[in-house]
PDB file of N, CA and C in Angstrom:
ATOM      1  N   MET A   1       0.840  -1.181   0.000  1.00  0.00           N
ATOM      2  CA  MET A   1       0.000   0.000   0.000  1.00  0.00           C
ATOM      3  C   MET A   1       0.886   1.247   0.000  1.00  0.00           C
ATOM      4  N   ALA A   2       0.611   2.174  -0.891  1.00  0.00           N
ATOM      5  CA  ALA A   2       1.408   3.390  -0.993  1.00  0.00           C
ATOM      6  C   ALA A   2       1.126   4.309   0.184  1.00  0.00           C
ATOM      7  N   GLU A   3       2.200   4.864   0.716  1.00  0.00           N
ATOM      8  CA  GLU A   3       2.069   5.779   1.844  1.00  0.00           C
ATOM      9  C   GLU A   3       1.713   7.162   1.327  1.00  0.00           C
ATOM     10  N   ASN A   4       0.703   7.778   1.895  1.00  0.00           N
ATOM     11  CA  ASN A   4       0.269   9.102   1.481  1.00  0.00           C
ATOM     12  C   ASN A   4       0.929  10.146   2.386  1.00  0.00           C
ATOM     13  N   LYS A   5       2.239  10.289   2.251  1.00  0.00           N
ATOM     14  CA  LYS A   5       3.010  11.193   3.097  1.00  0.00           C
ATOM     15  C   LYS A   5       2.815  12.638   2.641  1.00  0.00           C
ATOM     16  N   LEU A   6       2.566  13.502   3.617  1.00  0.00           N
ATOM     17  CA  LEU A   6       2.388  14.914   3.314  1.00  0.00           C
ATOM     18  C   LEU A   6       3.732  15.534   2.972  1.00  0.00           C
ATOM     19  N   THR A   7       3.769  16.249   1.884  1.00  0.00           N
ATOM     20  CA  THR A   7       4.962  16.985   1.475  1.00  0.00           C
ATOM     21  C   THR A   7       4.592  18.462   1.420  1.00  0.00           C
ATOM     22  N   TYR A   8       5.606  19.298   1.322  1.00  0.00           N
ATOM     23  CA  TYR A   8       5.360  20.733   1.217  1.00  0.00           C
ATOM     24  C   TYR A   8       4.485  21.029  -0.004  1.00  0.00           C
ATOM     25  N   LYS A   9       4.818  20.412  -1.118  1.00  0.00           N
ATOM     26  CA  LYS A   9       4.071  20.646  -2.358  1.00  0.00           C
ATOM     27  C   LYS A   9       2.605  20.223  -2.225  1.00  0.00           C
ATOM     28  N   LYS A  10       2.376  19.056  -1.604  1.00  0.00           N
ATOM     29  CA  LYS A  10       1.005  18.588  -1.396  1.00  0.00           C
ATOM     30  C   LYS A  10       0.247  19.499  -0.443  1.00  0.00           C
ATOM     31  N   ALA A  11       0.939  19.962   0.597  1.00  0.00           N
ATOM     32  CA  ALA A  11       0.303  20.846   1.575  1.00  0.00           C
ATOM     33  C   ALA A  11      -0.118  22.162   0.929  1.00  0.00           C
ATOM     34  N   VAL A  12       0.767  22.740   0.126  1.00  0.00           N
ATOM     35  CA  VAL A  12       0.453  24.000  -0.551  1.00  0.00           C
ATOM     36  C   VAL A  12      -0.713  23.802  -1.523  1.00  0.00           C
ATOM     37  N   SER A  13      -0.685  22.710  -2.248  1.00  0.00           N
ATOM     38  CA  SER A  13      -1.754  22.416  -3.198  1.00  0.00           C
ATOM     39  C   SER A  13      -3.105  22.266  -2.484  1.00  0.00           C
ATOM     40  N   GLU A  14      -3.105  21.531  -1.387  1.00  0.00           N
ATOM     41  CA  GLU A  14      -4.345  21.351  -0.619  1.00  0.00           C
ATOM     42  C   GLU A  14      -4.814  22.682  -0.033  1.00  0.00           C
ATOM     43  N   LEU A  15      -3.878  23.478   0.451  1.00  0.00           N
ATOM     44  CA  LEU A  15      -4.211  24.779   1.011  1.00  0.00           C
ATOM     45  C   LEU A  15      -4.830  25.684  -0.057  1.00  0.00           C
ATOM     46  N   GLU A  16      -4.259  25.670  -1.250  1.00  0.00           N
ATOM     47  CA  GLU A  16      -4.812  26.466  -2.350  1.00  0.00           C
ATOM     48  C   GLU A  16      -6.237  26.016  -2.687  1.00  0.00           C
ATOM     49  N   ALA A  17      -6.470  24.714  -2.657  1.00  0.00           N
ATOM     50  CA  ALA A  17      -7.804  24.186  -2.942  1.00  0.00           C
ATOM     51  C   ALA A  17      -8.811  24.644  -1.887  1.00  0.00           C
ATOM     52  N   ILE A  18      -8.385  24.614  -0.624  1.00  0.00           N
ATOM     53  CA  ILE A  18      -9.276  25.057   0.454  1.00  0.00           C
ATOM     54  C   ILE A  18      -9.601  26.540   0.297  1.00  0.00           C
ATOM     55  N   VAL A  19      -8.589  27.347   0.010  1.00  0.00           N
ATOM     56  CA  VAL A  19      -8.800  28.785  -0.174  1.00  0.00           C
ATOM     57  C   VAL A  19      -9.771  29.029  -1.327  1.00  0.00           C
ATOM     58  N   ASN A  20      -9.585  28.310  -2.432  1.00  0.00           N
ATOM     59  CA  ASN A  20     -10.487  28.464  -3.579  1.00  0.00           C
ATOM     60  C   ASN A  20     -11.917  28.095  -3.217  1.00  0.00           C
ATOM     61  N   GLU A  21     -12.082  27.002  -2.474  1.00  0.00           N
ATOM     62  CA  GLU A  21     -13.426  26.584  -2.060  1.00  0.00           C
ATOM     63  C   GLU A  21     -14.087  27.663  -1.209  1.00  0.00           C
ATOM     64  N   ILE A  22     -13.329  28.218  -0.274  1.00  0.00           N
ATOM     65  CA  ILE A  22     -13.889  29.241   0.611  1.00  0.00           C
ATOM     66  C   ILE A  22     -14.193  30.519  -0.173  1.00  0.00           C
ATOM     67  N   GLU A  23     -13.265  30.943  -1.030  1.00  0.00           N
ATOM     68  CA  GLU A  23     -13.483  32.159  -1.828  1.00  0.00           C
ATOM     69  C   GLU A  23     -14.674  32.018  -2.764  1.00  0.00           C
ATOM     70  N   ASN A  24     -14.880  30.815  -3.312  1.00  0.00           N
ATOM     71  CA  ASN A  24     -15.990  30.582  -4.239  1.00  0.00           C
ATOM     72  C   ASN A  24     -17.277  30.213  -3.521  1.00  0.00           C
ATOM     73  N   GLU A  25     -17.218  30.261  -2.189  1.00  0.00           N
ATOM     74  CA  GLU A  25     -18.364  29.930  -1.356  1.00  0.00           C
ATOM     75  C   GLU A  25     -18.891  28.521  -1.637  1.00  0.00           C
ATOM     76  N   ASP A  26     -17.944  27.586  -1.918  1.00  0.00           N
ATOM     77  CA  ASP A  26     -18.301  26.192  -2.156  1.00  0.00           C
ATOM     78  C   ASP A  26     -18.341  25.380  -0.872  1.00  0.00           C
ATOM     79  N   VAL A  27     -18.053  26.005   0.254  1.00  0.00           N
ATOM     80  CA  VAL A  27     -18.032  25.310   1.537  1.00  0.00           C
ATOM     81  C   VAL A  27     -19.252  25.743   2.333  1.00  0.00           C
ATOM     82  N   ASP A  28     -20.042  24.763   2.736  1.00  0.00           N
ATOM     83  CA  ASP A  28     -21.186  25.133   3.559  1.00  0.00           C
ATOM     84  C   ASP A  28     -20.739  25.359   5.000  1.00  0.00           C
ATOM     85  N   VAL A  29     -21.566  26.005   5.748  1.00  0.00           N
ATOM     86  CA  VAL A  29     -21.228  26.386   7.122  1.00  0.00           C
ATOM     87  C   VAL A  29     -20.874  25.167   7.964  1.00  0.00           C
ATOM     88  N   ASP A  30     -21.499  24.041   7.716  1.00  0.00           N
ATOM     89  CA  ASP A  30     -21.234  22.831   8.490  1.00  0.00           C
ATOM     90  C   ASP A  30     -19.807  22.331   8.309  1.00  0.00           C
ATOM     91  N   ASN A  31     -19.203  22.586   7.159  1.00  0.00           N
ATOM     92  CA  ASN A  31     -17.842  22.132   6.881  1.00  0.00           C
ATOM     93  C   ASN A  31     -16.795  23.227   6.995  1.00  0.00           C
ATOM     94  N   LEU A  32     -17.222  24.458   7.183  1.00  0.00           N
ATOM     95  CA  LEU A  32     -16.296  25.579   7.208  1.00  0.00           C
ATOM     96  C   LEU A  32     -15.262  25.452   8.319  1.00  0.00           C
ATOM     97  N   LEU A  33     -15.683  25.117   9.515  1.00  0.00           N
ATOM     98  CA  LEU A  33     -14.748  24.998  10.630  1.00  0.00           C
ATOM     99  C   LEU A  33     -13.710  23.917  10.355  1.00  0.00           C
ATOM    100  N   GLU A  34     -14.146  22.810   9.805  1.00  0.00           N
ATOM    101  CA  GLU A  34     -13.221  21.720   9.462  1.00  0.00           C
ATOM    102  C   GLU A  34     -12.177  22.197   8.447  1.00  0.00           C
ATOM    103  N   LYS A  35     -12.617  22.922   7.448  1.00  0.00           N
ATOM    104  CA  LYS A  35     -11.702  23.434   6.414  1.00  0.00           C
ATOM    105  C   LYS A  35     -10.717  24.440   7.006  1.00  0.00           C
ATOM    106  N   VAL A  36     -11.185  25.314   7.885  1.00  0.00           N
ATOM    107  CA  VAL A  36     -10.318  26.319   8.501  1.00  0.00           C
ATOM    108  C   VAL A  36      -9.280  25.646   9.396  1.00  0.00           C
ATOM    109  N   LYS A  37      -9.700  24.630  10.144  1.00  0.00           N
ATOM    110  CA  LYS A  37      -8.747  23.896  10.993  1.00  0.00           C
ATOM    111  C   LYS A  37      -7.690  23.203  10.148  1.00  0.00           C
ATOM    112  N   ARG A  38      -8.101  22.586   9.052  1.00  0.00           N
ATOM    113  CA  ARG A  38      -7.155  21.912   8.158  1.00  0.00           C
ATOM    114  C   ARG A  38      -6.202  22.927   7.540  1.00  0.00           C
ATOM    115  N   ALA A  39      -6.724  24.083   7.134  1.00  0.00           N
ATOM    116  CA  ALA A  39      -5.884  25.128   6.561  1.00  0.00           C
ATOM    117  C   ALA A  39      -4.855  25.600   7.586  1.00  0.00           C
ATOM    118  N   SER A  40      -5.275  25.754   8.819  1.00  0.00           N
ATOM    119  CA  SER A  40      -4.356  26.166   9.885  1.00  0.00           C
ATOM    120  C   SER A  40      -3.249  25.141  10.071  1.00  0.00           C
ATOM    121  N   PHE A  41      -3.612  23.866  10.081  1.00  0.00           N
ATOM    122  CA  PHE A  41      -2.618  22.797  10.199  1.00  0.00           C
ATOM    123  C   PHE A  41      -1.624  22.857   9.034  1.00  0.00           C
ATOM    124  N   LEU A  42      -2.139  23.024   7.831  1.00  0.00           N
ATOM    125  CA  LEU A  42      -1.280  23.057   6.642  1.00  0.00           C
ATOM    126  C   LEU A  42      -0.345  24.269   6.646  1.00  0.00           C
ATOM    127  N   ILE A  43      -0.840  25.405   7.079  1.00  0.00           N
ATOM    128  CA  ILE A  43       0.002  26.605   7.170  1.00  0.00           C
ATOM    129  C   ILE A  43       1.135  26.364   8.152  1.00  0.00           C
ATOM    130  N   ASN A  44       0.812  25.820   9.318  1.00  0.00           N
ATOM    131  CA  ASN A  44       1.850  25.544  10.313  1.00  0.00           C
ATOM    132  C   ASN A  44       2.847  24.507   9.811  1.00  0.00           C
ATOM    133  N   TYR A  45       2.361  23.497   9.099  1.00  0.00           N
ATOM    134  CA  TYR A  45       3.238  22.471   8.522  1.00  0.00           C
ATOM    135  C   TYR A  45       4.222  23.121   7.545  1.00  0.00           C
ATOM    136  N   CYS A  46       3.710  23.977   6.671  1.00  0.00           N
ATOM    137  CA  CYS A  46       4.561  24.627   5.671  1.00  0.00           C
ATOM    138  C   CYS A  46       5.577  25.555   6.329  1.00  0.00           C
ATOM    139  N   LYS A  47       5.146  26.317   7.327  1.00  0.00           N
ATOM    140  CA  LYS A  47       6.065  27.215   8.026  1.00  0.00           C
ATOM    141  C   LYS A  47       7.196  26.425   8.679  1.00  0.00           C
ATOM    142  N   GLU A  48       6.856  25.312   9.320  1.00  0.00           N
ATOM    143  CA  GLU A  48       7.881  24.502   9.976  1.00  0.00           C
ATOM    144  C   GLU A  48       8.827  23.886   8.947  1.00  0.00           C
ATOM    145  N   LYS A  49       8.279  23.428   7.846  1.00  0.00           N
ATOM    146  CA  LYS A  49       9.103  22.847   6.780  1.00  0.00           C
ATOM    147  C   LYS A  49      10.080  23.890   6.234  1.00  0.00           C
ATOM    148  N   LEU A  50       9.602  25.110   6.052  1.00  0.00           N
ATOM    149  CA  LEU A  50      10.469  26.184   5.565  1.00  0.00           C
ATOM    150  C   LEU A  50      11.551  26.531   6.588  1.00  0.00           C
ATOM    151  N   ARG A  51      11.182  26.600   7.864  1.00  0.00           N
ATOM    152  CA  ARG A  51      12.172  26.889   8.910  1.00  0.00           C
ATOM    153  C   ARG A  51      13.251  25.810   8.954  1.00  0.00           C
ATOM    154  N   ALA A  52      12.829  24.554   8.895  1.00  0.00           N
ATOM    155  CA  ALA A  52      13.785  23.443   8.947  1.00  0.00           C
ATOM    156  C   ALA A  52      14.705  23.463   7.734  1.00  0.00           C
ATOM    157  N   THR A  53      14.142  23.736   6.578  1.00  0.00           N
ATOM    158  CA  THR A  53      14.946  23.792   5.360  1.00  0.00           C
ATOM    159  C   THR A  53      15.939  24.948   5.426  1.00  0.00           C
ATOM    160  N   GLU A  54      15.487  26.095   5.906  1.00  0.00           N
ATOM    161  CA  GLU A  54      16.377  27.241   6.041  1.00  0.00           C
ATOM    162  C   GLU A  54      17.539  26.926   6.991  1.00  0.00           C
ATOM    163  N   ALA A  55      17.246  26.262   8.104  1.00  0.00           N
ATOM    164  CA  ALA A  55      18.293  25.905   9.068  1.00  0.00           C
ATOM    165  C   ALA A  55      19.302  24.947   8.439  1.00  0.00           C
ATOM    166  N   GLU A  56      18.827  23.979   7.685  1.00  0.00           N
ATOM    167  CA  GLU A  56      19.720  23.025   7.028  1.00  0.00           C
ATOM    168  C   GLU A  56      20.585  23.700   5.974  1.00  0.00           C
ATOM    169  N   VAL A  57      19.990  24.609   5.209  1.00  0.00           N
ATOM    170  CA  VAL A  57      20.754  25.327   4.184  1.00  0.00           C
ATOM    171  C   VAL A  57      21.837  26.169   4.845  1.00  0.00           C
ATOM    172  N   LYS A  58      21.489  26.856   5.929  1.00  0.00           N
ATOM    173  CA  LYS A  58      22.483  27.660   6.648  1.00  0.00           C
ATOM    174  C   LYS A  58      23.618  26.786   7.168  1.00  0.00           C
ATOM    175  N   LYS A  59      23.268  25.590   7.654  1.00  0.00           N
ATOM    176  CA  LYS A  59      24.282  24.674   8.169  1.00  0.00           C
ATOM    177  C   LYS A  59      25.230  24.242   7.051  1.00  0.00           C
ATOM    178  N   VAL A  60      24.685  23.920   5.905  1.00  0.00           N
ATOM    179  CA  VAL A  60      25.505  23.495   4.767  1.00  0.00           C
ATOM    180  C   VAL A  60      26.399  24.636   4.302  1.00  0.00           C
ATOM    181  N   LEU A  61      25.830  25.825   4.190  1.00  0.00           N
ATOM    182  CA  LEU A  61      26.621  26.975   3.753  1.00  0.00           C
ATOM    183  C   LEU A  61      27.715  27.310   4.758  1.00  0.00           C
ATOM    184  N   SER A  62      27.407  27.196   6.017  1.00  0.00           N
ATOM    185  CA  SER A  62      28.404  27.440   7.060  1.00  0.00           C
ATOM    186  C   SER A  62      29.537  26.430   6.957  1.00  0.00           C
ATOM    187  N   SER A  63      29.183  25.190   6.714  1.00  0.00           N
ATOM    188  CA  SER A  63      30.184  24.136   6.553  1.00  0.00           C
ATOM    189  C   SER A  63      31.076  24.420   5.352  1.00  0.00           C
ATOM    190  N   LEU A  64      30.479  24.887   4.274  1.00  0.00           N
ATOM    191  CA  LEU A  64      31.255  25.231   3.081  1.00  0.00           C
ATOM    192  C   LEU A  64      32.222  26.381   3.374  1.00  0.00           C
ATOM    193  N   GLU A  65      31.755  27.377   4.107  1.00  0.00           N
ATOM    194  CA  GLU A  65      32.610  28.505   4.464  1.00  0.00           C
ATOM    195  C   GLU A  65      33.767  28.061   5.348  1.00  0.00           C
ATOM    196  N   GLU A  66      33.496  27.168   6.299  1.00  0.00           N
ATOM    197  CA  GLU A  66      34.550  26.647   7.177  1.00  0.00           C
ATOM    198  C   GLU A  66      35.589  25.888   6.371  1.00  0.00           C
ATOM    199  N   ASN A  67      35.147  25.076   5.436  1.00  0.00           N
ATOM    200  CA  ASN A  67      36.070  24.324   4.584  1.00  0.00           C
ATOM    201  C   ASN A  67      36.894  25.261   3.709  1.00  0.00           C
ATOM    202  N   LYS A  68      36.287  26.325   3.245  1.00  0.00           N
ATOM    203  CA  LYS A  68      36.963  27.310   2.404  1.00  0.00           C
ATOM    204  C   LYS A  68      38.062  28.020   3.192  1.00  0.00           C
ATOM    205  N   GLU A  69      37.760  28.368   4.455  1.00  0.00           N
ATOM    206  CA  GLU A  69      38.713  29.079   5.298  1.00  0.00           C
ATOM    207  C   GLU A  69      39.894  28.187   5.707  1.00  0.00           C
ATOM    208  N   GLU A  70      39.659  26.876   5.788  1.00  0.00           N
ATOM    209  CA  GLU A  70      40.711  25.949   6.180  1.00  0.00           C
ATOM    210  C   GLU A  70      41.768  25.777   5.090  1.00  0.00           C
ATOM    211  N   LYS A  71      41.402  26.053   3.856  1.00  0.00           N
ATOM    212  CA  LYS A  71      42.314  25.849   2.718  1.00  0.00           C
ATOM    213  C   LYS A  71      43.249  26.982   2.525  1.00  0.00           C
TER     214      LYS A  71
END
């Protein structure tokens, strides 16, 4: 069975779909809270993914600078 792992790209795509549904008034009041909660989760997921990626990139760049200075 294929694992349906959430990725940044999938999260952004789902978030865009939710925003479109809400903007087009395709969400009834009974489902609105559920959609808003899911959107909040996806926003936080994306923010954390971006923070983690930024930290890793900084670490790699710092390592490159250290190696450059050693030569």
